[in-house]
């Protein structure tokens, strides 16, 4: 698996390059992970609704073919694009998403932060009060009417595309950002969803360090056997 640093900050050329790589790859093509730090941009998924962009403030809004609603990319955020052949991995989309989330949880653990999943809301979240999640915070069923995001902030957004068993798009981990642009949208389609970064949580690190850790953990979860790629401790 090759790991590449994308130096182009503009989102659109990277998006086009991902699509071209995926369209041209063969069963023998080596998987790759691309790491990028984009300039300010909002991206919309295939089902993305423009009304979730409350006020773009001159930030470009770019329609894409990934899943999900609207998210923000900007300086201080590590965006990782796993370009993976799922057929060669022997996994399907649900397991693919789970492995990406596991990699992010492992990066957060490296920094002493506990990340967690929320049922039916891809991505990784952290408790804003700093306490450890309880069993009631798990990704299992929630009581009727309960707010699944109560007390949580989103630190990593995930949106993927799979064509002919080959993936592109990926995951964005907030490291040290201007978080204001997240308040100008309904992040991932959820009104009022809090968004945080590692700096907000008191973690002082660099983009390069966070990117290296994310690449390491992504490469690890996509080289482990299927029955060990998603450790129980990350569930």
Protein backbone atom coordinates (compact mmCIF):
# COMPACT_ATOMS: atom_id res chain seq x y z
CA UNK A 1 0.00 0.00 0.00
CA UNK A 2 1.37 3.39 -1.00
CA UNK A 3 0.87 6.50 1.13
CA UNK A 4 1.00 9.81 -0.73
CA UNK A 5 0.93 13.41 0.44
CA UNK A 6 -1.20 15.57 -1.84
CA UNK A 7 0.25 19.07 -1.98
CA UNK A 8 -2.56 20.68 -4.00
CA UNK A 9 -4.82 22.53 -1.53
CA UNK A 10 -7.72 22.96 -3.98
CA UNK A 11 -10.40 20.32 -3.52
CA UNK A 12 -11.65 19.95 -7.11
CA UNK A 13 -8.40 18.75 -8.74
CA UNK A 14 -7.93 16.14 -6.00
CA UNK A 15 -11.51 14.96 -6.45
CA UNK A 16 -10.93 14.60 -10.20
CA UNK A 17 -7.67 12.74 -9.63
CA UNK A 18 -9.34 10.26 -7.26
CA UNK A 19 -12.01 9.49 -9.84
CA UNK A 20 -9.42 9.06 -12.59
CA UNK A 21 -7.25 6.77 -10.45
CA UNK A 22 -10.28 4.63 -9.57
CA UNK A 23 -11.53 4.43 -13.16
CA UNK A 24 -8.14 3.40 -14.52
CA UNK A 25 -6.99 0.97 -11.84
CA UNK A 26 -6.83 -2.75 -12.54
CA UNK A 27 -7.00 -5.79 -10.21
CA UNK A 28 -3.20 -5.55 -9.97
CA UNK A 29 -3.13 -1.86 -8.99
CA UNK A 30 -1.66 -1.29 -5.54
CA UNK A 31 -3.98 0.33 -2.99
CA UNK A 32 -3.11 3.87 -1.95
CA UNK A 33 -3.88 6.32 0.84
CA UNK A 34 -3.81 9.99 -0.11
CA UNK A 35 -3.36 12.63 2.59
CA UNK A 36 -4.51 16.18 1.93
CA UNK A 37 -5.00 19.51 3.66
CA UNK A 38 -7.57 21.45 1.67
CA UNK A 39 -8.30 25.12 1.49
CA UNK A 40 -11.78 26.21 2.66
CA UNK A 41 -14.53 24.30 0.84
CA UNK A 42 -17.94 22.86 1.56
CA UNK A 43 -18.69 19.55 -0.16
CA UNK A 44 -22.11 18.06 -0.74
CA UNK A 45 -22.83 14.34 -1.06
CA UNK A 46 -25.05 12.89 -3.75
CA UNK A 47 -28.14 13.36 -1.59
CA UNK A 48 -26.84 16.60 -0.12
CA UNK A 49 -29.44 19.32 0.35
CA UNK A 50 -28.42 22.92 -0.26
CA UNK A 51 -30.59 24.10 2.62
CA UNK A 52 -28.08 22.51 4.99
CA UNK A 53 -25.67 25.26 3.89
CA UNK A 54 -27.00 28.05 6.08
CA UNK A 55 -24.57 30.76 4.95
CA UNK A 56 -21.54 29.85 2.84
CA UNK A 57 -19.72 33.16 3.56
CA UNK A 58 -18.05 33.01 0.11
CA UNK A 59 -16.70 29.51 0.75
CA UNK A 60 -17.23 27.43 -2.42
CA UNK A 61 -19.90 24.72 -2.26
CA UNK A 62 -18.87 21.72 -4.37
CA UNK A 63 -21.21 18.91 -5.40
CA UNK A 64 -19.61 15.45 -5.25
CA UNK A 65 -20.58 11.82 -5.79
CA UNK A 66 -19.83 10.62 -2.26
CA UNK A 67 -22.43 9.60 0.28
CA UNK A 68 -23.65 11.90 3.02
CA UNK A 69 -24.75 15.50 3.27
CA UNK A 70 -22.58 18.62 3.69
CA UNK A 71 -19.23 18.92 5.41
CA UNK A 72 -16.44 21.47 5.61
CA UNK A 73 -12.79 21.12 4.66
CA UNK A 74 -10.17 23.64 5.63
CA UNK A 75 -6.65 24.27 6.92
CA UNK A 76 -5.77 22.30 10.03
CA UNK A 77 -7.79 19.24 8.99
CA UNK A 78 -6.27 15.95 7.84
CA UNK A 79 -8.25 14.45 4.98
CA UNK A 80 -7.38 10.84 4.15
CA UNK A 81 -8.55 9.20 0.97
CA UNK A 82 -8.21 5.38 1.09
CA UNK A 83 -8.23 4.08 -2.49
CA UNK A 84 -8.95 0.46 -1.70
CA UNK A 85 -9.95 -2.60 -3.72
CA UNK A 86 -12.64 -4.11 -1.50
CA UNK A 87 -12.80 -7.31 -3.51
CA UNK A 88 -9.12 -7.93 -2.82
CA UNK A 89 -9.72 -7.11 0.86
CA UNK A 90 -12.65 -9.54 0.92
CA UNK A 91 -14.94 -7.04 2.65
CA UNK A 92 -18.09 -5.05 1.94
CA UNK A 93 -18.93 -1.39 2.48
CA UNK A 94 -20.17 -1.72 6.07
CA UNK A 95 -16.92 -3.35 7.18
CA UNK A 96 -14.93 -0.81 5.16
CA UNK A 97 -16.58 2.09 7.00
CA UNK A 98 -16.09 0.33 10.34
CA UNK A 99 -12.37 -0.07 9.66
CA UNK A 100 -11.94 3.60 8.78
CA UNK A 101 -13.71 4.57 11.99
CA UNK A 102 -11.53 2.14 13.93
CA UNK A 103 -8.41 3.81 12.51
CA UNK A 104 -9.64 7.23 13.67
CA UNK A 105 -10.46 5.87 17.14
CA UNK A 106 -6.89 4.53 17.32
CA UNK A 107 -5.43 7.91 16.33
CA UNK A 108 -7.46 9.61 19.06
CA UNK A 109 -6.31 6.97 21.55
CA UNK A 110 -2.70 7.81 20.64
CA UNK A 111 -3.46 11.30 21.95
CA UNK A 112 -5.32 10.12 25.03
CA UNK A 113 -8.76 10.94 23.60
CA UNK A 114 -11.68 8.49 23.60
CA UNK A 115 -13.59 8.42 20.34
CA UNK A 116 -16.94 6.75 19.83
CA UNK A 117 -19.47 5.88 17.18
CA UNK A 118 -23.10 6.97 16.97
CA UNK A 119 -25.59 4.55 15.44
CA UNK A 120 -26.60 5.46 11.88
CA UNK A 121 -24.37 8.54 11.87
CA UNK A 122 -20.99 7.66 10.28
CA UNK A 123 -17.97 9.41 11.69
CA UNK A 124 -16.34 9.64 15.10
CA UNK A 125 -17.50 11.66 18.09
CA UNK A 126 -16.07 12.66 21.47
CA UNK A 127 -17.72 13.62 24.73
CA UNK A 128 -17.59 17.37 25.28
CA UNK A 129 -17.45 16.97 29.06
CA UNK A 130 -14.31 14.87 28.80
CA UNK A 131 -15.69 11.86 30.63
CA UNK A 132 -15.32 8.33 29.35
CA UNK A 133 -18.29 6.91 27.41
CA UNK A 134 -20.56 4.54 29.33
CA UNK A 135 -22.47 1.56 28.01
CA UNK A 136 -25.39 3.94 27.44
CA UNK A 137 -23.21 5.89 25.01
CA UNK A 138 -22.60 2.91 22.75
CA UNK A 139 -23.70 2.69 19.13
CA UNK A 140 -26.67 0.53 20.13
CA UNK A 141 -30.37 1.46 20.13
CA UNK A 142 -31.30 4.74 21.80
CA UNK A 143 -34.52 5.43 23.76
CA UNK A 144 -37.33 6.87 21.67
CA UNK A 145 -36.95 10.62 21.31
CA UNK A 146 -33.41 10.68 22.72
CA UNK A 147 -30.88 12.99 21.09
CA UNK A 148 -28.11 10.65 19.88
CA UNK A 149 -25.65 13.57 19.85
CA UNK A 150 -26.37 14.84 23.37
CA UNK A 151 -23.07 15.79 25.00
CA UNK A 152 -21.07 14.90 21.91
CA UNK A 153 -18.99 16.76 19.37
CA UNK A 154 -17.98 15.42 15.98
CA UNK A 155 -14.25 15.27 15.39
CA UNK A 156 -14.10 13.19 12.19
CA UNK A 157 -16.51 13.14 9.26
CA UNK A 158 -16.74 10.26 6.83
CA UNK A 159 -18.12 10.06 3.31
CA UNK A 160 -17.28 7.35 0.80
CA UNK A 161 -17.95 6.22 -2.73
CA UNK A 162 -17.61 2.66 -3.99
CA UNK A 163 -17.65 1.83 -7.68
CA UNK A 164 -16.88 -1.63 -9.03
CA UNK A 165 -15.71 -2.61 -5.52
CA UNK A 166 -13.17 0.23 -5.49
CA UNK A 167 -13.32 3.09 -3.00
CA UNK A 168 -12.58 6.77 -3.05
CA UNK A 169 -13.38 9.84 -0.93
CA UNK A 170 -12.71 9.11 2.75
CA UNK A 171 -12.41 10.66 6.20
CA UNK A 172 -11.60 14.11 7.58
CA UNK A 173 -10.02 14.46 11.04
CA UNK A 174 -10.12 17.90 12.68
CA UNK A 175 -6.74 18.73 14.17
CA UNK A 176 -6.41 22.50 14.75
CA UNK A 177 -8.93 24.46 12.72
CA UNK A 178 -11.02 27.59 12.57
CA UNK A 179 -14.26 25.84 13.53
CA UNK A 180 -16.54 28.78 12.68
CA UNK A 181 -17.38 27.50 9.15
CA UNK A 182 -18.98 24.41 10.73
CA UNK A 183 -21.52 26.71 12.40
CA UNK A 184 -22.56 28.05 9.01
CA UNK A 185 -23.88 24.63 7.96
CA UNK A 186 -25.82 21.75 9.46
CA UNK A 187 -22.82 19.41 9.69
CA UNK A 188 -23.57 16.14 7.92
CA UNK A 189 -27.20 17.29 7.77
CA UNK A 190 -27.70 17.57 11.56
CA UNK A 191 -28.83 20.97 12.79
CA UNK A 192 -26.88 22.15 15.82
CA UNK A 193 -24.36 19.30 15.78
CA UNK A 194 -21.25 20.47 17.63
CA UNK A 195 -17.93 20.10 15.86
CA UNK A 196 -14.58 19.94 17.67
CA UNK A 197 -10.92 19.45 16.90
CA UNK A 198 -7.97 18.05 18.79
CA UNK A 199 -6.84 21.54 19.77
CA UNK A 200 -10.23 22.21 21.41
CA UNK A 201 -9.70 19.06 23.46
CA UNK A 202 -6.33 20.32 24.67
CA UNK A 203 -4.22 18.16 22.35
CA UNK A 204 -1.24 20.03 20.96
CA UNK A 205 0.04 18.32 17.85
CA UNK A 206 0.96 19.10 14.27
CA UNK A 207 -0.83 18.34 11.04
CA UNK A 208 2.10 16.18 9.96
CA UNK A 209 2.01 14.09 13.13
CA UNK A 210 -1.75 13.55 12.98
CA UNK A 211 -1.56 12.70 9.28
CA UNK A 212 1.22 10.17 9.84
CA UNK A 213 -0.73 8.50 12.64
CA UNK A 214 -3.92 8.35 10.59
CA UNK A 215 -2.08 6.88 7.60
CA UNK A 216 -0.40 4.31 9.87
CA UNK A 217 -3.65 3.15 11.42
CA UNK A 218 -5.51 3.09 8.10
CA UNK A 219 -2.76 0.99 6.53
CA UNK A 220 -2.86 -1.31 9.55
CA UNK A 221 -6.62 -1.94 9.48
CA UNK A 222 -6.48 -2.68 5.77
CA UNK A 223 -3.68 -5.21 6.07
CA UNK A 224 -5.00 -7.21 9.04
CA UNK A 225 -7.07 -10.36 8.49
CA UNK A 226 -10.81 -9.73 8.39
CA UNK A 227 -11.41 -11.28 11.83
CA UNK A 228 -8.86 -9.03 13.58
CA UNK A 229 -9.16 -5.70 11.73
CA UNK A 230 -11.84 -4.31 14.06
CA UNK A 231 -10.74 -4.84 17.66
CA UNK A 232 -13.52 -5.27 20.18
CA UNK A 233 -12.12 -2.43 22.27
CA UNK A 234 -13.00 -0.01 19.47
CA UNK A 235 -16.60 -1.12 19.11
